[in-house]
Amino acid sequence: MLNRIAAALCGLVLLIGCNQSRESAPAKTGATTKVIPSDARNAKVDTVIHPLPQFIDQSMLGADLGPDGKVTTESDTFKPGQPIYLTMVLRESPPGLQTRASWRDAKEKVLLADKKNMNGGKVVTFTLKQAKLKPGKYHVIGYWGGNIAADKKFEIVGAGSKGKK
């Protein structure tokens, strides 16, 4: 009789265990699952990507400044020893804004980094006095806060070379 009771209890435990696994199966609710492919080369994309915000209205690189402190004539070639100016005309100048210019050589070595507090101003001009720069290719990156606002390439041409205009 003890064997019958033990067998009945084992059968009952198995029956309860089997019923629980059936109950834990997900109920059909009409929801569908969308499979997202791991390789998106052939995926159809219908999302519009908005352009990045514009921080400045204008940026100019040149060797001559007007009475307002802005570059008057844009250029991308300069003679050795000639000062080079970067002017940025800002679209917005929120409180606490700092602008920066990072003057770099062709190997991305920073030659000069300059920073200015805007204090609500919307025009800023940075100067590179490049008395010791060798002929070659360079560029300057202008920053509005921490955002790149201008990237201008330029070249220092030797005294006997003709630069491109």
Protein backbone atom coordinates (compact mmCIF):
# COMPACT_ATOMS: atom_id res chain seq x y z
CA MET A 1 0.00 0.00 0.00
CA LEU A 2 2.87 2.33 0.71
CA ASN A 3 4.15 1.71 -2.82
CA ARG A 4 0.79 2.69 -4.27
CA ILE A 5 0.74 5.94 -2.30
CA ALA A 6 4.34 6.74 -3.37
CA ALA A 7 3.50 6.00 -7.01
CA ALA A 8 0.36 8.15 -6.82
CA LEU A 9 2.33 11.04 -5.32
CA CYS A 10 5.01 10.77 -8.02
CA GLY A 11 2.34 10.76 -10.71
CA LEU A 12 0.68 13.80 -9.14
CA VAL A 13 4.01 15.70 -9.02
CA LEU A 14 4.68 14.87 -12.68
CA LEU A 15 1.18 15.95 -13.66
CA ILE A 16 1.53 19.28 -11.82
CA GLY A 17 4.97 19.84 -13.34
CA CYS A 18 3.73 19.21 -16.87
CA ASN A 19 0.75 21.52 -16.43
CA GLN A 20 2.96 24.37 -15.18
CA SER A 21 5.18 24.24 -18.26
CA ARG A 22 2.13 24.44 -20.50
CA GLU A 23 0.78 27.42 -18.58
CA SER A 24 4.07 29.32 -18.83
CA ALA A 25 3.97 29.26 -22.63
CA PRO A 26 3.23 32.74 -24.08
CA ALA A 27 -0.38 33.40 -24.86
CA LYS A 28 -1.26 34.39 -28.40
CA THR A 29 -2.17 38.07 -28.31
CA GLY A 30 -2.01 38.94 -31.99
CA ALA A 31 1.30 40.82 -31.55
CA THR A 32 3.95 40.26 -34.17
CA THR A 33 7.70 40.26 -33.77
CA LYS A 34 9.82 42.10 -36.33
CA VAL A 35 13.21 40.57 -37.01
CA ILE A 36 15.97 43.17 -37.37
CA PRO A 37 18.79 41.94 -39.60
CA SER A 38 22.31 42.19 -38.21
CA ASP A 39 23.61 43.10 -41.68
CA ALA A 40 21.92 46.33 -42.81
CA ARG A 41 23.50 46.60 -46.28
CA ASN A 42 20.24 45.70 -48.00
CA ALA A 43 17.86 47.12 -45.40
CA LYS A 44 15.30 49.68 -46.52
CA VAL A 45 15.59 52.84 -44.46
CA ASP A 46 12.77 55.35 -44.34
CA THR A 47 14.04 57.57 -41.52
CA VAL A 48 14.81 61.19 -42.38
CA ILE A 49 18.11 62.41 -40.95
CA HIS A 50 18.04 66.12 -40.30
CA PRO A 51 21.16 68.16 -41.09
CA LEU A 52 23.41 69.24 -38.26
CA PRO A 53 22.64 72.64 -36.80
CA GLN A 54 24.50 75.58 -38.29
CA PHE A 55 26.54 77.49 -35.74
CA ILE A 56 27.95 80.16 -38.00
CA ASP A 57 26.73 82.21 -40.94
CA GLN A 58 30.15 82.72 -42.51
CA SER A 59 33.83 81.86 -42.10
CA MET A 60 36.64 83.51 -44.03
CA LEU A 61 40.39 82.96 -44.19
CA GLY A 62 42.64 85.71 -45.51
CA ALA A 63 45.60 88.03 -45.00
CA ASP A 64 43.81 91.40 -44.85
CA LEU A 65 41.41 92.78 -42.25
CA GLY A 66 38.87 95.54 -42.71
CA PRO A 67 38.13 98.30 -40.18
CA ASP A 68 35.45 96.06 -38.63
CA GLY A 69 38.08 93.39 -37.81
CA LYS A 70 36.79 90.91 -40.40
CA VAL A 71 38.74 89.28 -43.23
CA THR A 72 38.13 91.38 -46.37
CA THR A 73 39.39 89.04 -49.11
CA GLU A 74 39.36 85.27 -48.81
CA SER A 75 42.49 83.37 -49.81
CA ASP A 76 43.95 79.89 -49.43
CA THR A 77 47.57 80.73 -50.26
CA PHE A 78 49.94 82.89 -48.23
CA LYS A 79 53.56 84.03 -48.37
CA PRO A 80 56.01 83.04 -45.62
CA GLY A 81 55.81 85.46 -42.70
CA GLN A 82 52.41 86.85 -43.75
CA PRO A 83 49.78 86.88 -40.96
CA ILE A 84 46.74 84.68 -41.55
CA TYR A 85 43.32 85.54 -40.12
CA LEU A 86 40.25 83.37 -39.58
CA THR A 87 36.99 85.28 -39.13
CA MET A 88 33.81 83.52 -38.03
CA VAL A 89 30.43 85.27 -38.09
CA LEU A 90 28.27 83.42 -35.57
CA ARG A 91 24.58 82.72 -35.98
CA GLU A 92 24.05 82.55 -32.22
CA SER A 93 26.12 83.62 -29.22
CA PRO A 94 24.58 82.23 -26.04
CA PRO A 95 25.88 83.28 -22.60
CA GLY A 96 29.18 81.59 -21.72
CA LEU A 97 30.07 80.73 -25.33
CA GLN A 98 33.75 80.26 -26.12
CA THR A 99 35.15 80.04 -29.63
CA ARG A 100 38.47 78.46 -30.48
CA ALA A 101 40.84 78.14 -33.41
CA SER A 102 43.26 75.25 -33.78
CA TRP A 103 45.97 75.89 -36.41
CA ARG A 104 47.47 72.60 -37.66
CA ASP A 105 50.07 71.30 -40.08
CA ALA A 106 49.55 68.54 -42.66
CA LYS A 107 50.32 65.88 -40.02
CA GLU A 108 47.63 67.30 -37.66
CA LYS A 109 50.22 68.69 -35.23
CA VAL A 110 48.70 71.66 -33.41
CA LEU A 111 50.82 74.74 -34.12
CA LEU A 112 48.70 77.23 -32.18
CA ALA A 113 45.46 76.98 -30.23
CA ASP A 114 43.59 80.15 -29.32
CA LYS A 115 40.38 80.62 -27.32
CA LYS A 116 38.09 83.64 -26.92
CA ASN A 117 35.09 84.30 -24.69
CA MET A 118 32.31 85.71 -26.86
CA ASN A 119 30.27 87.54 -24.18
CA GLY A 120 27.35 87.85 -26.63
CA GLY A 121 29.52 88.95 -29.58
CA LYS A 122 28.82 87.43 -32.99
CA VAL A 123 32.08 88.14 -34.85
CA VAL A 124 35.44 86.70 -33.90
CA THR A 125 38.80 86.85 -35.68
CA PHE A 126 41.79 84.66 -34.82
CA THR A 127 45.35 85.41 -35.98
CA LEU A 128 48.20 83.09 -36.91
CA LYS A 129 51.47 85.00 -37.03
CA GLN A 130 53.41 82.37 -38.92
CA ALA A 131 56.92 83.83 -39.15
CA LYS A 132 58.52 80.38 -38.88
CA LEU A 133 56.16 78.25 -41.00
CA LYS A 134 57.76 76.44 -43.91
CA PRO A 135 56.10 76.24 -47.31
CA GLY A 136 53.49 73.49 -47.22
CA LYS A 137 49.88 72.62 -46.54
CA TYR A 138 48.06 73.53 -43.32
CA HIS A 139 44.54 74.01 -42.02
CA VAL A 140 42.65 75.72 -39.25
CA ILE A 141 39.62 74.36 -37.38
CA GLY A 142 37.23 76.89 -35.84
CA TYR A 143 35.08 75.79 -32.92
CA TRP A 144 31.74 77.14 -31.63
CA GLY A 145 31.77 75.81 -28.09
CA GLY A 146 32.82 72.18 -28.52
CA ASN A 147 31.43 71.93 -32.07
CA ILE A 148 33.41 72.24 -35.29
CA ALA A 149 32.10 75.32 -37.10
CA ALA A 150 34.79 75.88 -39.76
CA ASP A 151 37.63 73.92 -41.31
CA LYS A 152 39.76 75.87 -43.77
CA LYS A 153 42.73 74.49 -45.70
CA PHE A 154 45.54 76.77 -46.78
CA GLU A 155 49.05 76.66 -48.16
CA ILE A 156 52.23 78.58 -47.48
CA VAL A 157 54.03 79.07 -50.80
CA GLY A 158 57.72 79.82 -51.16
CA ALA A 159 58.91 83.21 -52.40
CA GLY A 160 59.57 81.82 -55.90
CA SER A 161 56.41 79.65 -56.08
CA LYS A 162 53.07 80.64 -57.46
CA GLY A 163 50.15 79.71 -55.28
CA LYS A 164 46.76 78.57 -56.45
CA LYS A 165 43.89 81.02 -56.19
